[in-house]
């Protein structure tokens, strides 16, 4: 079981959309060298050995 709270650690105020930052954030999380890809790569390497 786990507990989920929708409350953020810090207050966030967004004045307007920022497409440039969104593109950079998307690249960092799911791009060629993103966190998801690297985590999956480590997982599959661990399964091979």
PDB file of N, CA and C in Angstrom:
ATOM      1  N   UNK A   1       0.843  -1.182   0.000  1.00  0.00           N
ATOM      2  CA  UNK A   1       0.000   0.000   0.000  1.00  0.00           C
ATOM      3  C   UNK A   1       0.885   1.240   0.000  1.00  0.00           C
ATOM      4  N   UNK A   2       0.347   2.308  -0.495  1.00  0.00           N
ATOM      5  CA  UNK A   2       1.080   3.557  -0.516  1.00  0.00           C
ATOM      6  C   UNK A   2       0.123   4.708  -0.284  1.00  0.00           C
ATOM      7  N   UNK A   3       0.692   5.814   0.100  1.00  0.00           N
ATOM      8  CA  UNK A   3      -0.089   7.026   0.339  1.00  0.00           C
ATOM      9  C   UNK A   3       0.284   8.058  -0.711  1.00  0.00           C
ATOM     10  N   UNK A   4      -0.713   8.623  -1.373  1.00  0.00           N
ATOM     11  CA  UNK A   4      -0.470   9.642  -2.395  1.00  0.00           C
ATOM     12  C   UNK A   4      -1.108  10.949  -1.957  1.00  0.00           C
ATOM     13  N   UNK A   5      -0.321  12.008  -1.990  1.00  0.00           N
ATOM     14  CA  UNK A   5      -0.830  13.336  -1.680  1.00  0.00           C
ATOM     15  C   UNK A   5      -0.590  14.233  -2.880  1.00  0.00           C
ATOM     16  N   UNK A   6      -1.599  14.938  -3.334  1.00  0.00           N
ATOM     17  CA  UNK A   6      -1.479  15.796  -4.513  1.00  0.00           C
ATOM     18  C   UNK A   6      -0.849  17.151  -4.174  1.00  0.00           C
ATOM     19  N   UNK A   7      -0.498  17.362  -2.922  1.00  0.00           N
ATOM     20  CA  UNK A   7       0.096  18.629  -2.502  1.00  0.00           C
ATOM     21  C   UNK A   7       1.554  18.691  -2.952  1.00  0.00           C
ATOM     22  N   UNK A   8       1.960  19.819  -3.523  1.00  0.00           N
ATOM     23  CA  UNK A   8       3.338  20.006  -3.962  1.00  0.00           C
ATOM     24  C   UNK A   8       4.227  20.406  -2.791  1.00  0.00           C
ATOM     25  N   UNK A   9       5.527  20.115  -2.903  1.00  0.00           N
ATOM     26  CA  UNK A   9       6.460  20.504  -1.850  1.00  0.00           C
ATOM     27  C   UNK A   9       6.595  22.015  -1.768  1.00  0.00           C
ATOM     28  N   UNK A  10       6.605  22.664  -2.917  1.00  0.00           N
ATOM     29  CA  UNK A  10       6.772  24.104  -2.988  1.00  0.00           C
ATOM     30  C   UNK A  10       5.638  24.694  -3.814  1.00  0.00           C
ATOM     31  N   UNK A  11       5.188  25.897  -3.478  1.00  0.00           N
ATOM     32  CA  UNK A  11       4.142  26.518  -4.297  1.00  0.00           C
ATOM     33  C   UNK A  11       4.679  26.852  -5.694  1.00  0.00           C
ATOM     34  N   UNK A  12       3.858  26.626  -6.694  1.00  0.00           N
ATOM     35  CA  UNK A  12       4.256  26.871  -8.078  1.00  0.00           C
ATOM     36  C   UNK A  12       3.291  27.865  -8.688  1.00  0.00           C
ATOM     37  N   UNK A  13       3.828  28.928  -9.267  1.00  0.00           N
ATOM     38  CA  UNK A  13       2.997  29.926  -9.929  1.00  0.00           C
ATOM     39  C   UNK A  13       3.409  29.979 -11.398  1.00  0.00           C
ATOM     40  N   UNK A  14       2.471  29.706 -12.269  1.00  0.00           N
ATOM     41  CA  UNK A  14       2.736  29.727 -13.703  1.00  0.00           C
ATOM     42  C   UNK A  14       2.019  30.927 -14.289  1.00  0.00           C
ATOM     43  N   UNK A  15       2.790  31.860 -14.862  1.00  0.00           N
ATOM     44  CA  UNK A  15       2.198  33.059 -15.454  1.00  0.00           C
ATOM     45  C   UNK A  15       1.650  32.794 -16.847  1.00  0.00           C
ATOM     46  N   UNK A  16       2.433  32.084 -17.653  1.00  0.00           N
ATOM     47  CA  UNK A  16       2.015  31.793 -19.027  1.00  0.00           C
ATOM     48  C   UNK A  16       2.719  30.516 -19.485  1.00  0.00           C
ATOM     49  N   UNK A  17       2.208  29.853 -20.513  1.00  0.00           N
ATOM     50  CA  UNK A  17       2.873  28.657 -21.028  1.00  0.00           C
ATOM     51  C   UNK A  17       4.259  28.981 -21.579  1.00  0.00           C
ATOM     52  N   UNK A  18       5.179  28.049 -21.431  1.00  0.00           N
ATOM     53  CA  UNK A  18       6.538  28.239 -21.921  1.00  0.00           C
ATOM     54  C   UNK A  18       6.912  27.027 -22.782  1.00  0.00           C
ATOM     55  N   UNK A  19       6.652  27.089 -24.100  1.00  0.00           N
ATOM     56  CA  UNK A  19       6.907  25.932 -24.963  1.00  0.00           C
ATOM     57  C   UNK A  19       8.377  25.532 -25.029  1.00  0.00           C
ATOM     58  N   UNK A  20       9.298  26.481 -24.926  1.00  0.00           N
ATOM     59  CA  UNK A  20      10.725  26.154 -24.980  1.00  0.00           C
ATOM     60  C   UNK A  20      11.124  25.301 -23.778  1.00  0.00           C
ATOM     61  N   UNK A  21      10.662  25.694 -22.593  1.00  0.00           N
ATOM     62  CA  UNK A  21      10.975  24.922 -21.391  1.00  0.00           C
ATOM     63  C   UNK A  21      10.308  23.551 -21.437  1.00  0.00           C
ATOM     64  N   UNK A  22       9.088  23.497 -21.949  1.00  0.00           N
ATOM     65  CA  UNK A  22       8.389  22.216 -22.069  1.00  0.00           C
ATOM     66  C   UNK A  22       9.159  21.268 -22.977  1.00  0.00           C
ATOM     67  N   UNK A  23       9.710  21.782 -24.069  1.00  0.00           N
ATOM     68  CA  UNK A  23      10.483  20.952 -24.985  1.00  0.00           C
ATOM     69  C   UNK A  23      11.747  20.428 -24.298  1.00  0.00           C
ATOM     70  N   UNK A  24      12.435  21.288 -23.554  1.00  0.00           N
ATOM     71  CA  UNK A  24      13.640  20.865 -22.838  1.00  0.00           C
ATOM     72  C   UNK A  24      13.315  19.831 -21.763  1.00  0.00           C
ATOM     73  N   UNK A  25      12.228  20.041 -21.061  1.00  0.00           N
ATOM     74  CA  UNK A  25      11.831  19.103 -20.013  1.00  0.00           C
ATOM     75  C   UNK A  25      11.453  17.750 -20.606  1.00  0.00           C
ATOM     76  N   UNK A  26      10.732  17.768 -21.716  1.00  0.00           N
ATOM     77  CA  UNK A  26      10.359  16.517 -22.375  1.00  0.00           C
ATOM     78  C   UNK A  26      11.602  15.767 -22.844  1.00  0.00           C
ATOM     79  N   UNK A  27      12.584  16.485 -23.362  1.00  0.00           N
ATOM     80  CA  UNK A  27      13.827  15.859 -23.823  1.00  0.00           C
ATOM     81  C   UNK A  27      14.585  15.239 -22.649  1.00  0.00           C
ATOM     82  N   UNK A  28      14.615  15.939 -21.509  1.00  0.00           N
ATOM     83  CA  UNK A  28      15.352  15.440 -20.341  1.00  0.00           C
ATOM     84  C   UNK A  28      14.711  14.181 -19.766  1.00  0.00           C
ATOM     85  N   UNK A  29      13.395  14.089 -19.830  1.00  0.00           N
ATOM     86  CA  UNK A  29      12.716  12.938 -19.238  1.00  0.00           C
ATOM     87  C   UNK A  29      12.638  11.767 -20.206  1.00  0.00           C
ATOM     88  N   UNK A  30      12.235  12.016 -21.438  1.00  0.00           N
ATOM     89  CA  UNK A  30      11.977  10.910 -22.346  1.00  0.00           C
ATOM     90  C   UNK A  30      12.738  10.940 -23.644  1.00  0.00           C
ATOM     91  N   UNK A  31      13.733  11.776 -23.766  1.00  0.00           N
ATOM     92  CA  UNK A  31      14.477  11.883 -25.016  1.00  0.00           C
ATOM     93  C   UNK A  31      15.525  10.798 -25.177  1.00  0.00           C
ATOM     94  N   UNK A  32      16.443  11.020 -26.093  1.00  0.00           N
ATOM     95  CA  UNK A  32      17.469  10.031 -26.419  1.00  0.00           C
ATOM     96  C   UNK A  32      18.305   9.670 -25.194  1.00  0.00           C
ATOM     97  N   UNK A  33      18.710  10.638 -24.433  1.00  0.00           N
ATOM     98  CA  UNK A  33      19.486  10.388 -23.212  1.00  0.00           C
ATOM     99  C   UNK A  33      18.656  10.703 -21.973  1.00  0.00           C
ATOM    100  N   UNK A  34      17.361  10.505 -22.050  1.00  0.00           N
ATOM    101  CA  UNK A  34      16.468  10.825 -20.940  1.00  0.00           C
ATOM    102  C   UNK A  34      16.497   9.784 -19.837  1.00  0.00           C
ATOM    103  N   UNK A  35      15.876  10.135 -18.727  1.00  0.00           N
ATOM    104  CA  UNK A  35      15.882   9.276 -17.545  1.00  0.00           C
ATOM    105  C   UNK A  35      15.188   7.948 -17.803  1.00  0.00           C
ATOM    106  N   UNK A  36      14.070   7.977 -18.505  1.00  0.00           N
ATOM    107  CA  UNK A  36      13.319   6.744 -18.753  1.00  0.00           C
ATOM    108  C   UNK A  36      14.157   5.772 -19.572  1.00  0.00           C
ATOM    109  N   UNK A  37      14.791   6.258 -20.621  1.00  0.00           N
ATOM    110  CA  UNK A  37      15.589   5.391 -21.493  1.00  0.00           C
ATOM    111  C   UNK A  37      16.762   4.791 -20.733  1.00  0.00           C
ATOM    112  N   UNK A  38      17.439   5.601 -19.954  1.00  0.00           N
ATOM    113  CA  UNK A  38      18.600   5.117 -19.201  1.00  0.00           C
ATOM    114  C   UNK A  38      18.164   4.093 -18.157  1.00  0.00           C
ATOM    115  N   UNK A  39      17.054   4.344 -17.482  1.00  0.00           N
ATOM    116  CA  UNK A  39      16.560   3.387 -16.488  1.00  0.00           C
ATOM    117  C   UNK A  39      16.203   2.059 -17.143  1.00  0.00           C
ATOM    118  N   UNK A  40      15.556   2.111 -18.299  1.00  0.00           N
ATOM    119  CA  UNK A  40      15.208   0.876 -19.008  1.00  0.00           C
ATOM    120  C   UNK A  40      16.467   0.142 -19.474  1.00  0.00           C
ATOM    121  N   UNK A  41      17.462   0.894 -19.908  1.00  0.00           N
ATOM    122  CA  UNK A  41      18.715   0.286 -20.352  1.00  0.00           C
ATOM    123  C   UNK A  41      19.388  -0.443 -19.186  1.00  0.00           C
ATOM    124  N   UNK A  42      19.457   0.179 -18.019  1.00  0.00           N
ATOM    125  CA  UNK A  42      20.035  -0.472 -16.843  1.00  0.00           C
ATOM    126  C   UNK A  42      19.238  -1.721 -16.471  1.00  0.00           C
ATOM    127  N   UNK A  43      17.922  -1.631 -16.553  1.00  0.00           N
ATOM    128  CA  UNK A  43      17.065  -2.764 -16.211  1.00  0.00           C
ATOM    129  C   UNK A  43      17.345  -3.951 -17.125  1.00  0.00           C
ATOM    130  N   UNK A  44      17.388  -3.714 -18.427  1.00  0.00           N
ATOM    131  CA  UNK A  44      17.605  -4.814 -19.365  1.00  0.00           C
ATOM    132  C   UNK A  44      19.021  -5.381 -19.251  1.00  0.00           C
ATOM    133  N   UNK A  45      20.003  -4.535 -18.966  1.00  0.00           N
ATOM    134  CA  UNK A  45      21.361  -5.036 -18.761  1.00  0.00           C
ATOM    135  C   UNK A  45      21.419  -5.927 -17.523  1.00  0.00           C
ATOM    136  N   UNK A  46      20.695  -5.550 -16.481  1.00  0.00           N
ATOM    137  CA  UNK A  46      20.677  -6.355 -15.258  1.00  0.00           C
ATOM    138  C   UNK A  46      19.990  -7.696 -15.495  1.00  0.00           C
ATOM    139  N   UNK A  47      18.978  -7.708 -16.346  1.00  0.00           N
ATOM    140  CA  UNK A  47      18.266  -8.952 -16.633  1.00  0.00           C
ATOM    141  C   UNK A  47      19.127  -9.915 -17.453  1.00  0.00           C
ATOM    142  N   UNK A  48      20.041  -9.389 -18.262  1.00  0.00           N
ATOM    143  CA  UNK A  48      20.897 -10.231 -19.098  1.00  0.00           C
ATOM    144  C   UNK A  48      21.933 -10.981 -18.265  1.00  0.00           C
ATOM    145  N   UNK A  49      22.411 -10.355 -17.198  1.00  0.00           N
ATOM    146  CA  UNK A  49      23.497 -10.980 -16.427  1.00  0.00           C
ATOM    147  C   UNK A  49      22.999 -11.807 -15.273  1.00  0.00           C
TER     148      UNK A  49
END
